[in-house]
């Protein structure tokens, strides 16, 4: 886990390329597999796991909660699970989640209904700015307590419920809160019911599919029923490539002349491929080949070719399936003809940064006009953008997706971009720069701390 800070400077337009690349493993699936393996009974095996800073922080927190974890080799782990309610630690043990919102919320779900747990929850500056109000309210329904009262940002103290009982929960757009509710319900007495009006990421459900503890009734609204106190069987998972990370390389290929790329072994879970669906709808040449099922996830090789993309018009129905890809779509829109419109995006303000606001400031630096309201962003694109004499400077933005998006924008245009705090990219995409280099991208790295 890198401790040093880095700045990266891009200053040259990338040439056309024709390459096949491996994608960093999926962060959501990696972290869920660590947590579920820890509360199952027996030895769970996880291979090809992402080892960015967020994932490593989750492993460190699980070890503090008494979980025995063996690292076999790079990306391969064994979790010696002792079952539901088996977490144990000294009173006021500090759990530092770094920048992992997934780890922070899902482990709260496990801890809330685990007997005799009192832990201090903390994270980095970015995570500490993100509201925990929604997850707190749900865990309080299970009987957990948080201190100080009426405080909704880290650092916080969580005290587990003495007698957790299943609840009925109407899920919103957050898969993290839905997953935390599932995990809390697994160790609560009775039945927990989740009514899912908007279908969000379902990696947790797929991972628990082989257990009798969870039952899903699919329909216009999914009904998820969790039977508490039923032992979980161990899991054996090989983590596929992350479609969110793949989207950035796809964007680079789509808007770069004479380019082709094959993104190998990417999962194409329907709840995660909003970017690909949107761009195909706007004339993007993207296809899924060699489809197969691995660890209950749909996996494919994603083939992408240079394309003439139309201006983007994206409504709210796509939001849940591509939250992490909005920054790169804002960057793409800057180079497309006409005005691209992104609607119902208010929840972008509770990600690692206020993503629409930050991207507006960045695009303004190179003369791209944007109009931003609370729930909508318009980007007035310029396919003939001149970058002569223009520079992009990004400092203090602790959001890996913003930094990756500006990297792609610079490679497509040749505009000089100096990006500080680039160590944040390591949280989800530790191989980002090496992959960019393999495609022919040029950059300079400087250590800043």
Protein backbone atom coordinates (compact mmCIF):
# COMPACT_ATOMS: atom_id res chain seq x y z
CA UNK A 1 0.00 0.00 0.00
CA UNK A 2 1.82 3.15 -1.14
CA UNK A 3 2.26 5.83 1.53
CA UNK A 4 3.90 8.44 -0.70
CA UNK A 5 2.06 11.09 -2.68
CA UNK A 6 2.54 11.44 -6.43
CA UNK A 7 1.80 13.91 -9.16
CA UNK A 8 1.51 12.84 -12.79
CA UNK A 9 1.83 15.09 -15.82
CA UNK A 10 0.40 14.25 -19.24
CA UNK A 11 1.54 16.44 -22.11
CA UNK A 12 1.27 14.48 -25.35
CA UNK A 13 -1.57 13.22 -27.51
CA UNK A 14 -1.67 9.45 -27.83
CA UNK A 15 -1.31 7.78 -31.25
CA UNK A 16 -3.66 5.13 -32.62
CA UNK A 17 -3.31 1.67 -31.10
CA UNK A 18 -4.48 -1.91 -31.57
CA UNK A 19 -4.01 -3.82 -28.35
CA UNK A 20 -5.47 -6.44 -26.03
CA UNK A 21 -5.18 -5.65 -22.31
CA UNK A 22 -5.99 -7.15 -18.94
CA UNK A 23 -8.16 -5.03 -16.67
CA UNK A 24 -7.67 -4.46 -12.94
CA UNK A 25 -9.92 -6.77 -10.96
CA UNK A 26 -13.32 -5.58 -9.79
CA UNK A 27 -13.13 -3.65 -6.51
CA UNK A 28 -16.76 -4.26 -5.51
CA UNK A 29 -16.51 -8.03 -5.98
CA UNK A 30 -13.08 -8.23 -4.33
CA UNK A 31 -14.21 -6.49 -1.16
CA UNK A 32 -17.50 -8.37 -0.94
CA UNK A 33 -15.70 -11.68 -1.32
CA UNK A 34 -13.33 -10.77 1.53
CA UNK A 35 -16.22 -9.91 3.84
CA UNK A 36 -18.50 -12.83 2.96
CA UNK A 37 -15.58 -15.25 3.17
CA UNK A 38 -14.90 -13.97 6.67
CA UNK A 39 -18.42 -14.72 7.96
CA UNK A 40 -18.82 -18.07 6.21
CA UNK A 41 -17.97 -21.38 7.88
CA UNK A 42 -14.79 -23.02 6.65
CA UNK A 43 -12.09 -21.98 4.20
CA UNK A 44 -13.11 -19.51 1.48
CA UNK A 45 -10.79 -18.95 -1.46
CA UNK A 46 -10.47 -15.73 -3.43
CA UNK A 47 -8.13 -15.38 -6.40
CA UNK A 48 -7.32 -12.52 -8.78
CA UNK A 49 -8.42 -10.08 -6.07
CA UNK A 50 -7.78 -6.37 -6.50
CA UNK A 51 -4.94 -5.24 -4.24
CA UNK A 52 -5.42 -1.49 -4.35
CA UNK A 53 -5.35 0.60 -1.17
CA UNK A 54 -9.11 0.26 -0.54
CA UNK A 55 -9.05 -3.53 -0.76
CA UNK A 56 -6.00 -3.80 1.46
CA UNK A 57 -7.69 -1.53 4.02
CA UNK A 58 -10.68 -3.92 4.13
CA UNK A 59 -8.37 -6.89 4.75
CA UNK A 60 -6.64 -4.96 7.55
CA UNK A 61 -10.02 -4.17 9.18
CA UNK A 62 -11.15 -7.80 8.97
CA UNK A 63 -7.93 -8.94 10.63
CA UNK A 64 -8.56 -6.46 13.45
CA UNK A 65 -11.98 -8.11 13.85
CA UNK A 66 -10.28 -11.45 14.49
CA UNK A 67 -10.51 -12.99 11.02
CA UNK A 68 -7.64 -15.31 10.06
CA UNK A 69 -6.55 -14.46 6.52
CA UNK A 70 -3.72 -16.13 4.64
CA UNK A 71 -2.17 -14.56 1.56
CA UNK A 72 -1.10 -17.39 -0.75
CA UNK A 73 0.39 -15.20 -3.47
CA UNK A 74 -0.40 -11.95 -5.27
CA UNK A 75 -4.17 -11.59 -5.50
CA UNK A 76 -4.85 -14.98 -3.90
CA UNK A 77 -6.19 -15.33 -0.34
CA UNK A 78 -7.75 -17.84 2.00
CA UNK A 79 -10.25 -16.73 4.64
CA UNK A 80 -10.66 -19.07 7.58
CA UNK A 81 -14.22 -18.14 8.39
CA UNK A 82 -15.76 -19.07 11.72
CA UNK A 83 -19.34 -18.20 10.83
CA UNK A 84 -21.90 -15.50 11.51
CA UNK A 85 -21.28 -13.41 14.61
CA UNK A 86 -17.67 -14.53 14.91
CA UNK A 87 -16.07 -11.08 14.79
CA UNK A 88 -14.28 -10.16 18.03
CA UNK A 89 -11.92 -7.41 19.07
CA UNK A 90 -10.91 -5.21 21.98
CA UNK A 91 -13.28 -2.42 22.93
CA UNK A 92 -12.76 0.74 20.83
CA UNK A 93 -10.58 -1.00 18.23
CA UNK A 94 -10.02 1.46 15.37
CA UNK A 95 -11.16 0.34 11.91
CA UNK A 96 -9.55 2.56 9.26
CA UNK A 97 -11.25 2.06 5.88
CA UNK A 98 -8.96 4.46 4.00
CA UNK A 99 -11.13 5.57 1.03
CA UNK A 100 -13.35 2.48 0.86
CA UNK A 101 -17.02 3.40 1.09
CA UNK A 102 -17.88 -0.20 0.20
CA UNK A 103 -15.80 -1.66 3.01
CA UNK A 104 -16.99 0.94 5.50
CA UNK A 105 -20.68 0.33 4.91
CA UNK A 106 -20.61 -3.45 4.46
CA UNK A 107 -18.49 -4.09 7.54
CA UNK A 108 -20.84 -1.87 9.52
CA UNK A 109 -23.58 -4.26 8.42
CA UNK A 110 -21.66 -7.23 9.81
CA UNK A 111 -20.69 -5.47 13.02
CA UNK A 112 -24.15 -4.06 13.78
CA UNK A 113 -25.63 -7.49 14.55
CA UNK A 114 -22.43 -9.18 15.78
CA UNK A 115 -22.42 -9.64 19.59
CA UNK A 116 -20.14 -7.53 21.81
CA UNK A 117 -18.65 -5.20 19.24
CA UNK A 118 -17.64 -1.62 19.98
CA UNK A 119 -15.40 -0.13 17.31
CA UNK A 120 -14.24 3.28 16.18
CA UNK A 121 -14.84 3.88 12.47
CA UNK A 122 -12.57 6.18 10.50
CA UNK A 123 -11.20 6.79 7.02
CA UNK A 124 -9.22 9.24 4.91
CA UNK A 125 -10.22 12.86 4.26
CA UNK A 126 -12.35 11.94 1.26
CA UNK A 127 -14.31 9.17 3.00
CA UNK A 128 -14.79 11.36 6.08
CA UNK A 129 -16.63 13.90 3.92
CA UNK A 130 -19.18 11.30 2.76
CA UNK A 131 -22.40 11.10 4.75
CA UNK A 132 -23.12 7.88 6.66
CA UNK A 133 -26.61 9.02 7.64
CA UNK A 134 -28.50 6.47 5.55
CA UNK A 135 -26.49 3.46 6.73
CA UNK A 136 -26.68 4.65 10.35
CA UNK A 137 -30.46 4.90 10.21
CA UNK A 138 -30.77 1.35 8.86
CA UNK A 139 -28.33 -0.18 11.37
CA UNK A 140 -30.15 1.59 14.22
CA UNK A 141 -33.28 -0.31 13.16
CA UNK A 142 -31.36 -3.51 13.94
CA UNK A 143 -30.57 -2.07 17.39
CA UNK A 144 -27.02 -0.82 16.82
CA UNK A 145 -25.96 2.49 18.33
CA UNK A 146 -23.65 5.21 17.05
CA UNK A 147 -21.78 7.89 18.96
CA UNK A 148 -21.71 10.85 19.04
CA UNK A 149 -25.46 11.00 18.49
CA UNK A 150 -26.72 12.90 15.43
CA UNK A 151 -23.26 12.90 13.82
CA UNK A 152 -23.16 11.35 10.38
CA UNK A 153 -19.53 11.57 9.27
CA UNK A 154 -16.43 9.64 10.33
CA UNK A 155 -14.94 9.33 12.90
CA UNK A 156 -17.79 7.50 14.67
CA UNK A 157 -18.16 4.80 17.30
CA UNK A 158 -20.39 1.81 16.54
CA UNK A 159 -21.84 -0.36 19.32
CA UNK A 160 -23.50 -3.55 18.12
CA UNK A 161 -27.06 -4.60 18.93
CA UNK A 162 -27.59 -6.79 21.98
CA UNK A 163 -30.65 -8.45 20.45
CA UNK A 164 -30.82 -7.86 16.68
CA UNK A 165 -34.15 -8.64 15.03
CA UNK A 166 -34.85 -8.69 11.29
CA UNK A 167 -36.32 -5.59 9.67
CA UNK A 168 -38.24 -4.54 6.58
CA UNK A 169 -36.26 -2.16 4.40
CA UNK A 170 -37.15 -0.29 1.22
CA UNK A 171 -33.90 0.05 -0.73
CA UNK A 172 -32.86 3.16 -2.61
CA UNK A 173 -30.16 3.42 -5.27
CA UNK A 174 -27.28 2.48 -2.98
CA UNK A 175 -26.07 -1.10 -3.40
CA UNK A 176 -23.76 -0.56 -0.44
CA UNK A 177 -26.64 0.08 1.96
CA UNK A 178 -28.62 -2.80 0.44
CA UNK A 179 -25.65 -5.13 0.90
CA UNK A 180 -25.05 -3.92 4.45
CA UNK A 181 -28.69 -4.65 5.24
CA UNK A 182 -28.33 -8.17 3.83
CA UNK A 183 -25.20 -8.78 5.91
CA UNK A 184 -26.80 -7.43 9.08
CA UNK A 185 -29.92 -9.52 8.44
CA UNK A 186 -27.89 -12.72 8.15
CA UNK A 187 -27.04 -12.56 11.85
CA UNK A 188 -30.35 -11.11 13.10
CA UNK A 189 -33.17 -13.19 14.54
CA UNK A 190 -36.10 -13.82 12.23
CA UNK A 191 -36.50 -12.57 8.68
CA UNK A 192 -35.20 -9.42 7.02
CA UNK A 193 -37.07 -8.27 3.91
CA UNK A 194 -35.67 -5.82 1.37
CA UNK A 195 -37.94 -4.28 -1.25
CA UNK A 196 -35.81 -3.16 -4.18
CA UNK A 197 -37.62 -0.67 -6.39
CA UNK A 198 -34.50 0.35 -8.29
CA UNK A 199 -32.22 -2.55 -9.19
CA UNK A 200 -28.70 -1.73 -8.01
CA UNK A 201 -25.49 -3.78 -8.03
CA UNK A 202 -26.25 -7.36 -7.05
CA UNK A 203 -22.80 -8.83 -6.42
CA UNK A 204 -23.66 -9.64 -2.79
CA UNK A 205 -26.78 -11.56 -3.81
CA UNK A 206 -24.92 -13.48 -6.50
CA UNK A 207 -22.17 -14.38 -4.04
CA UNK A 208 -24.71 -15.74 -1.55
CA UNK A 209 -26.76 -17.51 -4.23
CA UNK A 210 -25.69 -21.02 -3.15
CA UNK A 211 -26.94 -20.46 0.42
CA UNK A 212 -30.46 -21.12 1.71
CA UNK A 213 -30.24 -17.97 3.84
CA UNK A 214 -31.25 -15.72 0.95
CA UNK A 215 -34.21 -15.88 -1.40
CA UNK A 216 -34.95 -13.42 -4.20
CA UNK A 217 -38.33 -12.95 -5.85
CA UNK A 218 -37.67 -11.10 -9.09
CA UNK A 219 -40.19 -8.80 -10.70
CA UNK A 220 -40.85 -5.12 -11.27
CA UNK A 221 -39.71 -4.83 -7.67
CA UNK A 222 -37.24 -7.38 -6.38
CA UNK A 223 -38.10 -8.84 -2.98
CA UNK A 224 -35.02 -10.07 -1.11
CA UNK A 225 -35.67 -12.25 1.94
CA UNK A 226 -32.90 -13.09 4.39
CA UNK A 227 -33.38 -15.81 6.99
CA UNK A 228 -31.25 -14.94 10.00
CA UNK A 229 -28.87 -17.28 11.83
CA UNK A 230 -28.44 -19.71 8.90
CA UNK A 231 -24.82 -20.78 8.45
CA UNK A 232 -23.09 -19.73 5.23
CA UNK A 233 -21.11 -22.13 3.08
CA UNK A 234 -17.59 -21.03 2.07
CA UNK A 235 -17.06 -19.37 -1.29
CA UNK A 236 -14.52 -19.93 -4.05
CA UNK A 237 -14.22 -16.93 -6.36
CA UNK A 238 -11.92 -15.73 -9.12
CA UNK A 239 -12.53 -12.00 -9.39
CA UNK A 240 -13.15 -10.75 -12.97
CA UNK A 241 -12.10 -7.42 -14.46
CA UNK A 242 -13.83 -4.20 -13.40
CA UNK A 243 -16.22 -2.76 -16.04
CA UNK A 244 -15.91 0.72 -14.52
CA UNK A 245 -12.15 0.68 -15.01
CA UNK A 246 -12.59 -0.85 -18.48
CA UNK A 247 -14.78 2.10 -19.46
CA UNK A 248 -11.85 4.53 -19.27
CA UNK A 249 -9.76 2.55 -21.75
CA UNK A 250 -12.85 2.14 -23.93
CA UNK A 251 -13.38 5.91 -23.94
CA UNK A 252 -9.75 6.45 -24.97
CA UNK A 253 -10.17 4.03 -27.88
CA UNK A 254 -13.58 5.31 -28.99
CA UNK A 255 -12.43 8.92 -29.44
CA UNK A 256 -8.91 8.16 -30.68
CA UNK A 257 -8.39 7.75 -34.43
CA UNK A 258 -7.45 4.36 -35.88
CA UNK A 259 -7.71 2.50 -32.59
CA UNK A 260 -8.94 -0.89 -31.45
CA UNK A 261 -8.80 -2.53 -28.05
CA UNK A 262 -9.87 -5.82 -26.50
CA UNK A 263 -10.56 -5.56 -22.77
CA UNK A 264 -10.13 -9.11 -21.54
CA UNK A 265 -12.25 -10.98 -18.96
CA UNK A 266 -14.45 -8.08 -17.87
CA UNK A 267 -17.66 -8.88 -16.03
CA UNK A 268 -20.75 -7.50 -17.73
CA UNK A 269 -23.21 -7.70 -14.87
CA UNK A 270 -26.36 -5.88 -16.14
CA UNK A 271 -26.28 -3.57 -13.10
CA UNK A 272 -22.78 -2.35 -14.01
CA UNK A 273 -22.66 -1.78 -17.78
CA UNK A 274 -24.61 1.44 -18.12
CA UNK A 275 -21.61 3.12 -19.78
CA UNK A 276 -21.34 0.49 -22.50
CA UNK A 277 -25.10 0.54 -23.11
CA UNK A 278 -25.18 4.34 -23.33
CA UNK A 279 -22.22 4.63 -25.68
CA UNK A 280 -23.52 1.86 -27.97
CA UNK A 281 -26.81 3.74 -28.14
CA UNK A 282 -24.85 6.81 -29.30
CA UNK A 283 -23.03 5.01 -32.15
CA UNK A 284 -20.15 3.54 -30.18
CA UNK A 285 -18.61 0.38 -31.64
CA UNK A 286 -18.60 -1.91 -28.61
CA UNK A 287 -19.29 -5.62 -28.58
CA UNK A 288 -19.17 -8.43 -26.00
CA UNK A 289 -17.53 -11.66 -27.15
CA UNK A 290 -16.71 -15.01 -25.54
CA UNK A 291 -19.46 -14.66 -22.93
CA UNK A 292 -19.43 -17.14 -20.06
CA UNK A 293 -20.46 -17.53 -16.42
CA UNK A 294 -17.75 -17.37 -13.76
CA UNK A 295 -18.51 -17.31 -10.02
CA UNK A 296 -22.15 -16.46 -10.78
CA UNK A 297 -21.12 -13.39 -12.81
CA UNK A 298 -21.38 -12.91 -16.59
CA UNK A 299 -17.90 -12.40 -18.02
CA UNK A 300 -16.85 -11.41 -21.56
CA UNK A 301 -14.09 -9.87 -23.65
CA UNK A 302 -15.09 -6.32 -24.59
CA UNK A 303 -14.12 -5.31 -28.14
CA UNK A 304 -13.98 -1.55 -28.86
CA UNK A 305 -13.20 0.42 -32.04
CA UNK A 306 -12.78 4.11 -32.87
CA UNK A 307 -16.24 5.62 -33.38
CA UNK A 308 -18.08 8.81 -34.28
CA UNK A 309 -20.09 9.29 -31.10
CA UNK A 310 -23.18 11.49 -31.09
CA UNK A 311 -23.80 14.06 -28.37
CA UNK A 312 -24.90 12.30 -25.21
CA UNK A 313 -28.37 12.48 -23.73
CA UNK A 314 -28.48 10.50 -20.49
CA UNK A 315 -31.53 10.25 -18.26
CA UNK A 316 -31.91 9.03 -14.71
CA UNK A 317 -32.63 5.40 -15.60
CA UNK A 318 -28.93 4.84 -16.31
CA UNK A 319 -27.59 6.45 -13.13
CA UNK A 320 -27.42 3.35 -10.93
CA UNK A 321 -25.58 1.29 -13.54
CA UNK A 322 -22.81 3.82 -14.29
CA UNK A 323 -22.27 6.11 -11.29
CA UNK A 324 -18.49 5.77 -11.50
CA UNK A 325 -18.41 6.50 -15.23
CA UNK A 326 -20.02 9.95 -15.22
CA UNK A 327 -16.67 11.78 -14.96
CA UNK A 328 -15.31 10.07 -18.07
CA UNK A 329 -18.60 10.71 -19.91
CA UNK A 330 -18.34 14.42 -19.01
CA UNK A 331 -14.81 14.38 -20.46
CA UNK A 332 -16.01 12.64 -23.62
CA UNK A 333 -18.86 15.12 -24.00
CA UNK A 334 -16.32 17.96 -24.12
CA UNK A 335 -15.01 16.54 -27.40
CA UNK A 336 -18.34 15.63 -29.02
CA UNK A 337 -20.38 17.87 -31.34
CA UNK A 338 -23.35 19.65 -29.79
CA UNK A 339 -24.62 19.86 -26.24
CA UNK A 340 -24.64 16.73 -24.12
CA UNK A 341 -27.16 16.53 -21.29
CA UNK A 342 -26.90 14.48 -18.09
CA UNK A 343 -30.08 14.42 -16.01
CA UNK A 344 -30.92 13.31 -12.45
CA UNK A 345 -27.34 13.33 -11.22
CA UNK A 346 -27.80 14.86 -7.75
CA UNK A 347 -26.35 11.81 -6.00
CA UNK A 348 -22.97 12.36 -7.68
CA UNK A 349 -22.30 14.89 -4.91
CA UNK A 350 -21.96 12.06 -2.35
CA UNK A 351 -19.22 10.15 -4.12
CA UNK A 352 -15.47 10.54 -3.48
CA UNK A 353 -15.92 14.15 -4.59
CA UNK A 354 -18.75 16.30 -5.90
CA UNK A 355 -18.09 14.82 -9.32
CA UNK A 356 -20.12 17.06 -11.60
CA UNK A 357 -18.87 20.21 -9.86
CA UNK A 358 -15.23 19.11 -10.07
CA UNK A 359 -15.47 18.13 -13.73
CA UNK A 360 -17.14 21.43 -14.58
CA UNK A 361 -14.19 23.31 -13.03
CA UNK A 362 -11.72 21.15 -14.96
CA UNK A 363 -13.47 21.51 -18.33
CA UNK A 364 -13.72 25.27 -17.82
CA UNK A 365 -9.90 25.38 -17.64
CA UNK A 366 -9.69 24.41 -21.32
CA UNK A 367 -12.56 26.59 -22.49
CA UNK A 368 -15.39 24.04 -22.43
CA UNK A 369 -18.60 25.66 -21.23
CA UNK A 370 -20.78 23.71 -18.80
CA UNK A 371 -24.08 24.49 -17.14
CA UNK A 372 -24.64 22.75 -13.83
CA UNK A 373 -27.70 22.69 -11.60
CA UNK A 374 -28.35 20.43 -8.64
CA UNK A 375 -29.76 17.63 -10.79
CA UNK A 376 -28.47 18.27 -14.33
CA UNK A 377 -25.26 18.98 -16.22
CA UNK A 378 -24.97 20.30 -19.76
CA UNK A 379 -21.63 20.13 -21.54
CA UNK A 380 -21.20 22.25 -24.67
CA UNK A 381 -18.82 20.10 -26.70
CA UNK A 382 -16.17 21.22 -29.16
CA UNK A 383 -14.76 18.45 -31.41
CA UNK A 384 -12.28 20.99 -32.85
CA UNK A 385 -11.02 22.10 -29.45
CA UNK A 386 -7.71 23.95 -29.63
CA UNK A 387 -5.51 23.28 -26.61
CA UNK A 388 -2.69 25.63 -27.62
CA UNK A 389 -1.52 27.49 -24.54
CA UNK A 390 -4.03 25.75 -22.28
CA UNK A 391 -3.30 23.71 -19.16
CA UNK A 392 -5.25 21.65 -16.67
CA UNK A 393 -4.24 21.67 -13.02
CA UNK A 394 -5.93 19.38 -10.51
CA UNK A 395 -4.92 19.55 -6.87
CA UNK A 396 -6.64 18.35 -3.71
CA UNK A 397 -9.24 16.26 -5.55
CA UNK A 398 -9.14 12.90 -3.76
CA UNK A 399 -11.20 11.05 -6.36
CA UNK A 400 -9.60 8.35 -8.50
CA UNK A 401 -12.27 8.55 -11.22
CA UNK A 402 -11.77 12.32 -11.68
CA UNK A 403 -8.01 11.87 -12.00
CA UNK A 404 -8.41 8.99 -14.48
CA UNK A 405 -10.90 11.02 -16.54
CA UNK A 406 -8.55 13.99 -16.87
CA UNK A 407 -5.74 11.62 -17.84
CA UNK A 408 -7.86 10.30 -20.72
CA UNK A 409 -8.89 13.83 -21.75
CA UNK A 410 -5.24 14.90 -21.91
CA UNK A 411 -4.22 11.83 -23.93
CA UNK A 412 -7.03 12.52 -26.43
CA UNK A 413 -6.25 16.22 -26.88
CA UNK A 414 -2.60 16.69 -25.98
CA UNK A 415 -3.46 19.38 -23.43
CA UNK A 416 -0.94 19.55 -20.61
CA UNK A 417 -2.46 18.19 -17.41
CA UNK A 418 -0.72 18.25 -14.03
CA UNK A 419 -2.55 15.95 -11.63
CA UNK A 420 -1.64 15.94 -7.96
CA UNK A 421 -2.73 13.29 -5.42
CA UNK A 422 -2.48 10.67 -8.16
CA UNK A 423 -1.86 8.01 -5.51
CA UNK A 424 -5.67 8.00 -5.17
CA UNK A 425 -5.89 6.07 -8.46
CA UNK A 426 -4.12 3.17 -6.76
CA UNK A 427 -7.25 2.61 -4.65
CA UNK A 428 -9.16 1.03 -7.54
CA UNK A 429 -6.76 0.82 -10.45
CA UNK A 430 -3.17 0.09 -9.41
CA UNK A 431 -2.20 -0.83 -12.98
CA UNK A 432 -3.72 2.23 -14.65
CA UNK A 433 -0.46 3.93 -15.63
CA UNK A 434 1.22 0.72 -16.77
CA UNK A 435 -1.80 -0.04 -18.98
CA UNK A 436 -1.76 3.49 -20.42
CA UNK A 437 1.95 3.06 -21.12
CA UNK A 438 1.31 -0.23 -22.94
CA UNK A 439 -1.13 1.63 -25.23
CA UNK A 440 1.53 4.21 -26.07
CA UNK A 441 0.57 6.93 -23.60
CA UNK A 442 3.36 9.21 -22.27
CA UNK A 443 3.52 10.83 -18.85
CA UNK A 444 5.90 11.95 -16.10
CA UNK A 445 5.66 10.92 -12.44
CA UNK A 446 6.98 12.97 -9.51
CA UNK A 447 7.00 12.03 -5.86
CA UNK A 448 5.45 14.81 -3.76
CA UNK A 449 5.68 13.40 -0.22
